[in-house]
Amino acid sequence: MDFETAFKILDAAVVAQTKRHLKDIEVAILRSSWQGKKYDEIAQTHGYTTEYLQHDVGPKLWQMLSEAFGEKVSKKNFQTAVERQRLLRNGAVTKQLEIVTQSDIMLSSQLTVEKPTSNYLDSPSNAPELIAVSSNAETQLNPELEFPAGQVPLASKFYIERPPIEERCYQEIFQPGALVRIKAPGQMGKTSLMARMLDEARKHGYQTVSLSFHLADKAVFTNLDIFLRWFCESVGRKLKRLQQLDDYWSIYGSKDKATAYFEECLLEEIDSPLVISLDGVDRIFPHRDIAEDFFSLLRAWYEYAKYGDRSSELWQKLRLVLVHSKEVYIPLNINQSPFNVGLSVELPEFTPEQVKILVERHQRLNWTDAQVTKLMEMVGGHPYLVRLALYHLQQQDITLEQLLQTAPTEAGIYSDHLRSHLCNLEPHPNLATAFNQVVNSSLPMELDSESAFKLHSMGLVVYSHENKVIPSCDLYRQYFQNRLS
């Protein structure tokens, strides 16, 4: 069972128990725990303190699930508990289907031998019962609306394309020695686009490897040799070609070892192109020594495919996809950086037309253009913020008016998202002060280049004109006006 299936069971159980859905921070803990991560790893990835997750949010979450499941649930055993719930639910659905089938047989028989005035549906007490059973069975059989957490599944109808970006990425990945860079603030759809690029490559017979630097232990970033060994092992393991790695990791320098391993053990041995996606590349940025060497290595591999010598044909098999949120603030030699070559893709927000498409795919919503405008006046076209709103509105647990009224408050559906941004700002007083000026100004603000650069990378501001910035959306303006003063 994958996490998306587990999440539907977990969220449904919480709704039944508490009349609310799982919060973003709770989803983050569950998803990361499903992957075997510890609290300190989860805290580092999502911008919280370990103590807050381990001693506050975590215990409350496991207690809530224990009450919802009717058994003791903990971080260690919740996968097993979810599996038991799945089996129980499958059994319940089977039983309901048997009841519906028997009722259909009875109904068919009565319609055949009795007059219409005496059939089963004519009984005011029986008809609602049959309809309720059928409706309940249908609800159990149909998957629930997807909660917008993490990557949008490949088969999801809620992935909205932003032409011509997807087509350009697909075409580029088929070019020999291609390098594609995808940049956008968090929760804008970078990983979802990356997954679709890999899927497109697999459809054409390419081999693919997806690595996330968010999953790497802190020890991996100790020095370049350890980092490149982890990198080569991660790729080799997924391609099932690890057996010779030790032979290369004994004599040469770190970058030479990695290059020789890729060339002689991977690229020479495979017949099809190899696409490697590197998610969370910005996690390397603070480790400057590693970053400079690793990124210069990627640039060298990219250049090998262009040289036109004997080895070029091998390196043309390698296609790289780099995914990051933050701007590249480490100074790299222009001739050694992979961030000024290949195809650069910066994901924009949804347009009103794209938001309308997303609304239409939420079948219970029959919105006017005015309603779309109201939502976008609050959250802009931010994919995650729009999808989270539509999720709750389709679930009918809140109206659009209530959602907009509570959105910039701790009682609103965006509280975890907003608090995460606040946690990221608090350790940087100068940045918080700069953003405070922006949200409290009625006109575009001109900030120092570093502050504007970083706030834009976080997705909190957008450039308006003449290097001046404004809040990305009214949600941020209203929330942070009261938090940063």
Protein backbone atom coordinates (compact mmCIF):
# COMPACT_ATOMS: atom_id res chain seq x y z
CA MET A 1 0.00 0.00 0.00
CA ASP A 2 1.37 3.43 -0.95
CA PHE A 3 1.08 6.52 1.20
CA GLU A 4 -1.64 8.15 -0.95
CA THR A 5 -3.91 5.16 -0.28
CA ALA A 6 -3.00 5.21 3.41
CA PHE A 7 -3.65 8.94 3.62
CA LYS A 8 -7.23 8.53 2.37
CA ILE A 9 -7.88 6.01 5.15
CA LEU A 10 -6.19 8.18 7.79
CA ASP A 11 -7.97 11.38 6.77
CA ALA A 12 -11.37 9.68 6.58
CA ALA A 13 -10.89 8.22 10.07
CA VAL A 14 -9.94 11.63 11.48
CA VAL A 15 -12.94 13.30 9.83
CA ALA A 16 -15.28 10.68 11.29
CA GLN A 17 -13.75 11.14 14.75
CA THR A 18 -13.14 14.90 14.91
CA LYS A 19 -15.19 16.42 12.05
CA ARG A 20 -12.03 17.98 10.62
CA HIS A 21 -9.37 16.95 8.11
CA LEU A 22 -5.72 16.33 8.83
CA LYS A 23 -3.64 19.50 9.00
CA ASP A 24 -0.64 20.11 6.76
CA ILE A 25 1.83 19.59 9.60
CA GLU A 26 0.11 16.30 10.53
CA VAL A 27 0.25 15.14 6.91
CA ALA A 28 3.95 16.02 6.84
CA ILE A 29 4.62 13.90 9.94
CA LEU A 30 2.62 10.96 8.56
CA ARG A 31 4.21 11.08 5.11
CA SER A 32 7.74 11.37 6.50
CA SER A 33 7.13 8.67 9.13
CA TRP A 34 5.84 6.43 6.35
CA GLN A 35 9.26 6.91 4.72
CA GLY A 36 11.01 5.99 7.98
CA LYS A 37 12.19 9.49 8.86
CA LYS A 38 12.90 10.63 12.41
CA TYR A 39 11.49 13.77 13.99
CA ASP A 40 14.70 15.76 13.56
CA GLU A 41 14.70 15.01 9.82
CA ILE A 42 11.02 16.00 9.52
CA ALA A 43 11.67 19.22 11.46
CA GLN A 44 14.60 20.17 9.26
CA THR A 45 12.69 19.53 6.05
CA HIS A 46 9.52 21.40 7.03
CA GLY A 47 10.92 24.29 9.08
CA TYR A 48 9.77 23.33 12.59
CA THR A 49 11.71 22.54 15.75
CA THR A 50 12.23 18.90 16.71
CA GLU A 51 10.85 19.55 20.19
CA TYR A 52 7.61 21.00 18.79
CA LEU A 53 6.99 17.97 16.57
CA GLN A 54 8.16 15.30 19.03
CA HIS A 55 6.53 16.60 22.21
CA ASP A 56 3.49 18.51 20.95
CA VAL A 57 2.16 17.78 17.45
CA GLY A 58 3.29 14.14 17.29
CA PRO A 59 1.75 12.87 20.56
CA LYS A 60 -1.53 14.66 19.82
CA LEU A 61 -1.61 13.14 16.33
CA TRP A 62 -1.00 9.57 17.52
CA GLN A 63 -3.61 9.98 20.29
CA MET A 64 -6.16 11.26 17.78
CA LEU A 65 -5.50 8.30 15.47
CA SER A 66 -5.71 5.88 18.40
CA GLU A 67 -9.19 7.19 19.19
CA ALA A 68 -10.20 7.14 15.52
CA PHE A 69 -8.98 3.56 14.95
CA GLY A 70 -10.02 2.18 18.33
CA GLU A 71 -6.52 0.83 19.04
CA LYS A 72 -3.15 2.11 20.20
CA VAL A 73 -1.44 3.90 17.29
CA SER A 74 2.14 5.16 17.42
CA LYS A 75 4.83 6.37 15.05
CA LYS A 76 6.25 2.83 14.95
CA ASN A 77 3.08 0.85 14.30
CA PHE A 78 0.77 3.18 12.37
CA GLN A 79 1.49 1.51 9.00
CA THR A 80 0.27 -1.79 10.39
CA ALA A 81 -2.76 -0.07 11.93
CA VAL A 82 -3.67 1.51 8.59
CA GLU A 83 -3.38 -1.86 6.85
CA ARG A 84 -5.81 -3.37 9.37
CA GLN A 85 -8.23 -0.52 8.73
CA ARG A 86 -7.96 -1.12 4.98
CA LEU A 87 -8.81 -4.79 5.39
CA LEU A 88 -11.73 -3.95 7.66
CA ARG A 89 -13.07 -1.41 5.19
CA ASN A 90 -12.72 -3.80 2.27
CA GLY A 91 -14.73 -6.32 4.23
CA ALA A 92 -17.39 -3.71 4.97
CA VAL A 93 -17.65 -2.74 1.31
CA THR A 94 -18.04 -6.40 0.27
CA LYS A 95 -20.82 -6.87 2.79
CA GLN A 96 -22.60 -3.70 1.65
CA LEU A 97 -22.38 -4.84 -1.98
CA GLU A 98 -23.92 -8.18 -1.02
CA ILE A 99 -26.79 -6.32 0.65
CA VAL A 100 -27.29 -4.09 -2.37
CA THR A 101 -27.18 -7.09 -4.73
CA GLN A 102 -29.72 -9.02 -2.64
CA SER A 103 -31.95 -5.96 -2.52
CA ASP A 104 -31.72 -5.59 -6.31
CA ILE A 105 -32.67 -9.25 -6.75
CA MET A 106 -35.66 -8.84 -4.41
CA LEU A 107 -36.69 -5.67 -6.16
CA SER A 108 -36.43 -7.28 -9.60
CA SER A 109 -38.45 -10.26 -8.44
CA GLN A 110 -41.20 -8.11 -6.93
CA LEU A 111 -41.41 -5.93 -9.99
CA THR A 112 -41.95 -9.07 -12.06
CA VAL A 113 -44.66 -10.79 -10.00
CA GLU A 114 -46.34 -7.92 -8.18
CA LYS A 115 -48.21 -4.84 -9.18
CA PRO A 116 -46.31 -1.55 -9.04
CA THR A 117 -48.36 -0.39 -6.08
CA SER A 118 -46.85 -3.08 -3.84
CA ASN A 119 -43.20 -3.01 -4.87
CA TYR A 120 -40.38 -2.37 -2.43
CA LEU A 121 -39.73 1.23 -3.41
CA ASP A 122 -43.33 2.22 -2.68
CA SER A 123 -42.72 1.76 1.05
CA PRO A 124 -41.73 5.15 2.57
CA SER A 125 -39.72 3.39 5.27
CA ASN A 126 -37.84 0.99 2.99
CA ALA A 127 -36.94 3.26 0.07
CA PRO A 128 -34.62 5.58 2.02
CA GLU A 129 -32.92 2.54 3.54
CA LEU A 130 -32.10 1.06 0.12
CA ILE A 131 -30.96 4.40 -1.25
CA ALA A 132 -28.75 4.96 1.80
CA VAL A 133 -27.14 1.53 1.48
CA SER A 134 -26.46 2.06 -2.23
CA SER A 135 -25.08 5.53 -1.63
CA ASN A 136 -22.89 4.32 1.22
CA ALA A 137 -21.46 1.51 -0.91
CA GLU A 138 -20.78 3.93 -3.74
CA THR A 139 -18.95 6.29 -1.37
CA GLN A 140 -16.79 3.43 -0.12
CA LEU A 141 -15.96 2.27 -3.63
CA ASN A 142 -15.06 5.64 -5.09
CA PRO A 143 -11.78 7.15 -3.90
CA GLU A 144 -12.15 10.31 -1.86
CA LEU A 145 -11.14 13.69 -3.16
CA GLU A 146 -7.35 14.01 -3.14
CA PHE A 147 -5.92 16.04 -0.30
CA PRO A 148 -3.30 18.37 -1.82
CA ALA A 149 -0.19 17.18 -0.02
CA GLY A 150 3.09 16.62 -1.82
CA GLN A 151 3.40 15.39 -5.39
CA VAL A 152 0.22 15.23 -7.45
CA PRO A 153 -0.18 11.54 -8.45
CA LEU A 154 0.48 10.76 -12.10
CA ALA A 155 -3.09 9.60 -12.72
CA SER A 156 -4.66 12.55 -10.91
CA LYS A 157 -7.17 14.72 -12.72
CA PHE A 158 -6.13 17.59 -10.47
CA TYR A 159 -2.78 18.16 -12.16
CA ILE A 160 -3.14 21.31 -14.26
CA GLU A 161 -0.69 21.83 -17.11
CA ARG A 162 0.87 25.24 -17.66
CA PRO A 163 1.54 25.32 -21.42
CA PRO A 164 4.04 25.37 -22.98
CA ILE A 165 6.14 24.32 -19.97
CA GLU A 166 5.34 20.59 -19.90
CA GLU A 167 5.81 20.10 -23.64
CA ARG A 168 9.10 22.01 -23.62
CA CYS A 169 10.39 19.86 -20.75
CA TYR A 170 9.36 16.63 -22.48
CA GLN A 171 11.05 17.66 -25.72
CA GLU A 172 14.23 18.77 -23.94
CA ILE A 173 14.69 15.52 -22.02
CA PHE A 174 14.93 13.66 -25.30
CA GLN A 175 17.92 15.75 -26.39
CA PRO A 176 21.37 14.11 -26.02
CA GLY A 177 23.11 15.26 -22.84
CA ALA A 178 20.13 17.40 -21.80
CA LEU A 179 20.02 19.41 -18.57
CA VAL A 180 16.74 20.87 -17.29
CA ARG A 181 16.49 23.16 -14.27
CA ILE A 182 13.10 23.59 -12.54
CA LYS A 183 12.85 26.41 -10.00
CA ALA A 184 9.91 27.74 -8.00
CA PRO A 185 8.99 28.42 -4.36
CA GLY A 186 7.66 25.57 -2.25
CA GLN A 187 4.37 23.86 -3.14
CA MET A 188 4.26 25.27 -6.66
CA GLY A 189 4.36 21.90 -8.45
CA LYS A 190 8.06 21.31 -9.11
CA THR A 191 8.12 17.67 -7.98
CA SER A 192 4.86 16.93 -9.81
CA LEU A 193 6.34 18.24 -13.07
CA MET A 194 9.56 16.31 -12.45
CA ALA A 195 7.59 13.08 -11.95
CA ARG A 196 5.78 13.59 -15.25
CA MET A 197 9.05 14.16 -17.07
CA LEU A 198 10.38 10.86 -15.70
CA ASP A 199 7.14 9.13 -16.66
CA GLU A 200 7.39 10.49 -20.20
CA ALA A 201 10.99 9.27 -20.40
CA ARG A 202 9.99 5.77 -19.23
CA LYS A 203 7.31 5.62 -21.91
CA HIS A 204 10.10 6.02 -24.47
CA GLY A 205 12.18 3.24 -22.98
CA TYR A 206 14.56 5.43 -20.97
CA GLN A 207 15.89 4.38 -17.59
CA THR A 208 15.12 6.82 -14.77
CA VAL A 209 16.42 7.50 -11.29
CA SER A 210 14.85 9.98 -8.87
CA LEU A 211 16.92 11.24 -5.92
CA SER A 212 15.86 13.68 -3.22
CA PHE A 213 18.52 15.45 -1.22
CA HIS A 214 15.88 16.04 1.45
CA LEU A 215 16.19 12.33 2.29
CA ALA A 216 19.97 12.43 2.76
CA ASP A 217 21.30 12.22 6.32
CA LYS A 218 23.24 15.15 7.72
CA ALA A 219 26.37 13.00 7.72
CA VAL A 220 26.20 12.82 3.92
CA PHE A 221 27.21 16.49 3.78
CA THR A 222 30.31 16.01 5.95
CA ASN A 223 32.76 16.16 3.05
CA LEU A 224 32.87 15.75 -0.72
CA ASP A 225 34.08 12.14 -0.73
CA ILE A 226 31.23 10.97 1.54
CA PHE A 227 28.72 12.99 -0.47
CA LEU A 228 29.78 11.64 -3.87
CA ARG A 229 29.94 8.09 -2.51
CA TRP A 230 26.33 8.47 -1.30
CA PHE A 231 25.35 9.95 -4.68
CA CYS A 232 26.93 7.13 -6.68
CA GLU A 233 25.56 4.45 -4.35
CA SER A 234 22.04 5.91 -4.58
CA VAL A 235 22.09 5.89 -8.39
CA GLY A 236 23.84 2.52 -8.63
CA ARG A 237 21.46 0.87 -6.20
CA LYS A 238 18.39 1.99 -8.13
CA LEU A 239 19.94 0.75 -11.37
CA LYS A 240 21.10 -2.46 -9.63
CA ARG A 241 24.72 -1.78 -10.62
CA LEU A 242 26.55 -1.42 -7.32
CA GLN A 243 28.88 -4.40 -7.49
CA GLN A 244 31.94 -2.53 -8.81
CA LEU A 245 31.66 0.72 -6.85
CA ASP A 246 34.23 -0.33 -4.22
CA ASP A 247 36.82 -0.88 -6.96
CA TYR A 248 36.56 2.78 -7.95
CA TRP A 249 36.46 4.18 -4.43
CA SER A 250 40.05 3.51 -3.47
CA ILE A 251 42.58 5.27 -5.68
CA TYR A 252 41.34 8.37 -7.49
CA GLY A 253 40.19 11.78 -6.32
CA SER A 254 36.52 12.09 -5.40
CA LYS A 255 35.29 13.66 -8.65
CA ASP A 256 37.44 11.34 -10.74
CA LYS A 257 36.02 8.30 -8.93
CA ALA A 258 32.44 9.42 -9.50
CA THR A 259 33.12 10.19 -13.16
CA ALA A 260 34.85 6.86 -13.81
CA TYR A 261 32.06 4.93 -12.08
CA PHE A 262 29.35 6.68 -14.10
CA GLU A 263 31.21 6.27 -17.36
CA GLU A 264 32.47 2.69 -17.05
CA CYS A 265 29.88 1.00 -14.85
CA LEU A 266 26.69 2.81 -15.79
CA LEU A 267 26.76 4.57 -19.15
CA GLU A 268 28.86 1.91 -20.92
CA GLU A 269 26.60 -0.86 -19.62
CA ILE A 270 23.17 0.51 -20.51
CA ASP A 271 21.69 0.64 -23.99
CA SER A 272 19.11 3.37 -23.41
CA PRO A 273 19.41 6.97 -22.15
CA LEU A 274 19.44 7.53 -18.39
CA VAL A 275 17.45 10.38 -16.81
CA ILE A 276 18.45 11.36 -13.27
CA SER A 277 16.30 13.86 -11.39
CA LEU A 278 17.80 15.63 -8.37
CA ASP A 279 15.12 17.10 -6.09
CA GLY A 280 15.89 19.52 -3.28
CA VAL A 281 19.16 20.66 -4.83
CA ASP A 282 19.07 23.79 -2.65
CA ARG A 283 19.82 21.66 0.39
CA ILE A 284 23.41 21.50 -0.87
CA PHE A 285 23.80 25.29 -1.07
CA PRO A 286 24.79 25.87 2.61
CA HIS A 287 27.65 23.35 2.24
CA ARG A 288 29.73 25.58 0.04
CA ASP A 289 32.77 23.34 -0.46
CA ILE A 290 30.62 20.39 -1.48
CA ALA A 291 28.35 22.59 -3.60
CA GLU A 292 31.14 24.11 -5.64
CA ASP A 293 32.72 20.75 -6.44
CA PHE A 294 29.47 18.88 -7.07
CA PHE A 295 27.95 21.51 -9.32
CA SER A 296 31.19 21.90 -11.27
CA LEU A 297 31.12 18.10 -11.72
CA LEU A 298 27.58 18.21 -13.15
CA ARG A 299 28.64 21.00 -15.49
CA ALA A 300 31.64 18.93 -16.62
CA TRP A 301 29.39 15.94 -17.38
CA TYR A 302 27.10 18.20 -19.37
CA GLU A 303 30.09 19.50 -21.33
CA TYR A 304 31.43 15.98 -22.02
CA ALA A 305 28.37 15.34 -24.19
CA LYS A 306 29.21 18.41 -26.30
CA TYR A 307 32.93 17.79 -26.93
CA GLY A 308 32.51 15.54 -29.94
CA ASP A 309 35.23 13.12 -28.85
CA ARG A 310 35.11 9.37 -28.29
CA SER A 311 33.42 9.62 -24.89
CA SER A 312 30.74 12.10 -25.97
CA GLU A 313 28.41 9.37 -27.20
CA LEU A 314 28.44 7.83 -23.73
CA TRP A 315 27.73 11.08 -21.89
CA GLN A 316 24.97 11.96 -24.32
CA LYS A 317 23.00 9.13 -22.72
CA LEU A 318 22.88 11.07 -19.45
CA ARG A 319 20.04 13.56 -18.97
CA LEU A 320 19.85 15.62 -15.75
CA VAL A 321 16.88 17.35 -14.09
CA LEU A 322 17.71 19.75 -11.23
CA VAL A 323 14.86 20.87 -8.96
CA HIS A 324 15.24 23.62 -6.37
CA SER A 325 13.24 26.26 -4.49
CA LYS A 326 15.83 28.82 -3.50
CA GLU A 327 17.87 30.98 -5.80
CA VAL A 328 21.47 29.91 -6.30
CA TYR A 329 23.20 32.31 -3.93
CA ILE A 330 26.59 30.58 -3.86
CA PRO A 331 29.15 32.24 -6.17
CA LEU A 332 30.07 29.78 -8.91
CA ASN A 333 32.53 30.26 -11.73
CA ILE A 334 30.45 31.04 -14.82
CA ASN A 335 32.23 28.25 -16.71
CA GLN A 336 31.69 25.70 -13.92
CA SER A 337 28.03 26.25 -13.08
CA PRO A 338 25.18 24.03 -14.28
CA PHE A 339 22.76 26.88 -13.55
CA ASN A 340 23.52 28.87 -16.69
CA VAL A 341 23.23 26.07 -19.25
CA GLY A 342 20.44 23.83 -20.51
CA LEU A 343 16.73 24.61 -20.22
CA SER A 344 15.67 26.82 -17.32
CA VAL A 345 12.04 26.51 -16.18
CA GLU A 346 10.49 28.78 -13.55
CA LEU A 347 6.98 27.68 -12.66
CA PRO A 348 4.42 30.52 -12.66
CA GLU A 349 1.21 30.69 -10.68
CA PHE A 350 -2.03 29.48 -12.26
CA THR A 351 -3.85 31.89 -14.54
CA PRO A 352 -7.58 32.55 -13.98
CA GLU A 353 -8.32 30.20 -16.87
CA GLN A 354 -6.28 27.41 -15.25
CA VAL A 355 -8.01 27.96 -11.91
CA LYS A 356 -11.37 27.67 -13.70
CA ILE A 357 -10.27 24.34 -15.18
CA LEU A 358 -9.34 23.13 -11.70
CA VAL A 359 -12.71 24.26 -10.35
CA GLU A 360 -14.50 22.33 -13.10
CA ARG A 361 -12.64 19.17 -12.11
CA HIS A 362 -14.12 19.49 -8.62
CA GLN A 363 -17.46 18.25 -9.85
CA ARG A 364 -19.57 19.41 -6.92
CA LEU A 365 -18.52 23.03 -7.44
CA ASN A 366 -20.54 25.05 -9.91
CA TRP A 367 -18.80 28.39 -9.66
CA THR A 368 -19.25 31.69 -11.39
CA ASP A 369 -16.33 33.78 -12.61
CA ALA A 370 -16.98 36.11 -9.67
CA GLN A 371 -16.31 33.30 -7.18
CA VAL A 372 -13.05 32.39 -8.94
CA THR A 373 -12.04 36.04 -8.75
CA LYS A 374 -12.80 36.21 -5.01
CA LEU A 375 -10.59 33.23 -4.26
CA MET A 376 -7.75 34.52 -6.43
CA GLU A 377 -7.93 37.95 -4.80
CA MET A 378 -6.98 36.18 -1.57
CA VAL A 379 -4.46 33.52 -2.66
CA GLY A 380 -3.54 34.48 -6.22
CA GLY A 381 -2.87 31.52 -8.49
CA HIS A 382 -0.69 29.61 -6.02
CA PRO A 383 -1.40 25.95 -6.94
CA TYR A 384 -1.34 24.55 -3.40
CA LEU A 385 -3.38 27.37 -1.85
CA VAL A 386 -6.01 27.13 -4.60
CA ARG A 387 -6.24 23.34 -4.40
CA LEU A 388 -6.50 23.34 -0.61
CA ALA A 389 -9.40 25.78 -0.79
CA LEU A 390 -11.23 23.75 -3.44
CA TYR A 391 -10.66 20.54 -1.48
CA HIS A 392 -12.38 21.93 1.62
CA LEU A 393 -15.14 23.58 -0.40
CA GLN A 394 -15.97 20.38 -2.24
CA GLN A 395 -16.03 18.52 1.06
CA GLN A 396 -18.67 21.07 2.07
CA ASP A 397 -17.15 21.61 5.48
CA ILE A 398 -16.87 25.37 4.87
CA THR A 399 -18.36 27.99 2.56
CA LEU A 400 -16.32 30.28 0.34
CA GLU A 401 -17.30 33.28 2.47
CA GLN A 402 -16.20 31.53 5.69
CA LEU A 403 -12.98 30.36 4.07
CA LEU A 404 -12.04 33.87 2.93
CA GLN A 405 -12.93 35.39 6.29
CA THR A 406 -10.76 32.98 8.30
CA ALA A 407 -8.00 32.42 5.71
CA PRO A 408 -5.39 34.83 7.21
CA THR A 409 -6.02 33.65 10.79
CA GLU A 410 -4.87 30.75 12.96
CA ALA A 411 -8.38 29.32 12.66
CA GLY A 412 -8.21 29.14 8.86
CA ILE A 413 -7.24 26.29 6.57
CA TYR A 414 -3.89 27.92 5.76
CA SER A 415 -2.64 28.17 9.35
CA ASP A 416 0.09 25.51 8.97
CA HIS A 417 1.29 26.97 5.68
CA LEU A 418 1.47 30.49 7.12
CA ARG A 419 3.11 29.36 10.34
CA SER A 420 5.77 27.55 8.35
CA HIS A 421 6.65 30.79 6.55
CA LEU A 422 6.71 32.61 9.89
CA CYS A 423 9.11 30.02 11.33
CA ASN A 424 11.40 30.49 8.34
CA LEU A 425 11.44 34.27 8.82
CA GLU A 426 11.93 34.42 12.60
CA PRO A 427 15.62 33.34 12.62
CA HIS A 428 16.38 36.18 10.16
CA PRO A 429 15.38 39.51 11.78
CA ASN A 430 16.59 41.64 8.88
CA LEU A 431 14.53 39.62 6.41
CA ALA A 432 11.47 39.74 8.69
CA THR A 433 11.85 43.52 9.02
CA ALA A 434 12.08 43.91 5.25
CA PHE A 435 8.95 41.82 4.68
CA ASN A 436 7.14 43.74 7.43
CA GLN A 437 7.78 46.93 5.45
CA VAL A 438 6.38 45.31 2.31
CA VAL A 439 3.10 44.05 3.85
CA ASN A 440 2.45 47.36 5.60
CA SER A 441 3.02 49.50 2.53
CA SER A 442 0.20 50.41 0.18
CA LEU A 443 2.73 50.93 -2.61
CA PRO A 444 5.42 48.68 -4.11
CA MET A 445 8.58 48.71 -1.96
CA GLU A 446 12.19 48.86 -3.07
CA LEU A 447 14.30 46.59 -0.84
CA ASP A 448 17.98 45.85 -0.79
CA SER A 449 18.78 43.29 -3.46
CA GLU A 450 19.58 40.46 -1.02
CA SER A 451 16.29 40.77 0.91
CA ALA A 452 14.23 41.03 -2.27
CA PHE A 453 16.13 38.07 -3.71
CA LYS A 454 15.46 35.83 -0.69
CA LEU A 455 11.82 36.84 -0.14
CA HIS A 456 11.12 36.17 -3.80
CA SER A 457 12.76 32.75 -3.52
CA MET A 458 10.46 31.95 -0.59
CA GLY A 459 7.44 32.93 -2.66
CA LEU A 460 6.45 35.75 -0.31
CA VAL A 461 6.88 38.64 -2.76
CA VAL A 462 6.72 39.25 -6.48
CA TYR A 463 8.43 41.96 -8.48
CA SER A 464 6.08 44.66 -9.73
CA HIS A 465 8.21 47.23 -11.60
CA GLU A 466 11.55 48.99 -11.31
CA ASN A 467 12.89 46.32 -8.92
CA LYS A 468 10.11 47.04 -6.42
CA VAL A 469 8.18 44.24 -4.73
CA ILE A 470 4.70 43.59 -3.37
CA PRO A 471 3.28 40.66 -1.35
CA SER A 472 2.59 37.60 -3.51
CA CYS A 473 -1.04 37.55 -2.38
CA ASP A 474 -3.42 39.25 0.02
CA LEU A 475 -3.30 36.20 2.30
CA TYR A 476 0.34 36.97 3.13
CA ARG A 477 -0.32 40.68 3.49
CA GLN A 478 -3.13 40.24 6.02
CA TYR A 479 -1.47 37.47 8.04
CA PHE A 480 1.98 39.04 8.36
CA GLN A 481 0.71 42.56 9.08
CA ASN A 482 -0.21 41.25 12.53
CA ARG A 483 2.75 38.91 13.05
CA LEU A 484 5.86 40.91 12.18
CA SER A 485 5.15 44.26 13.83
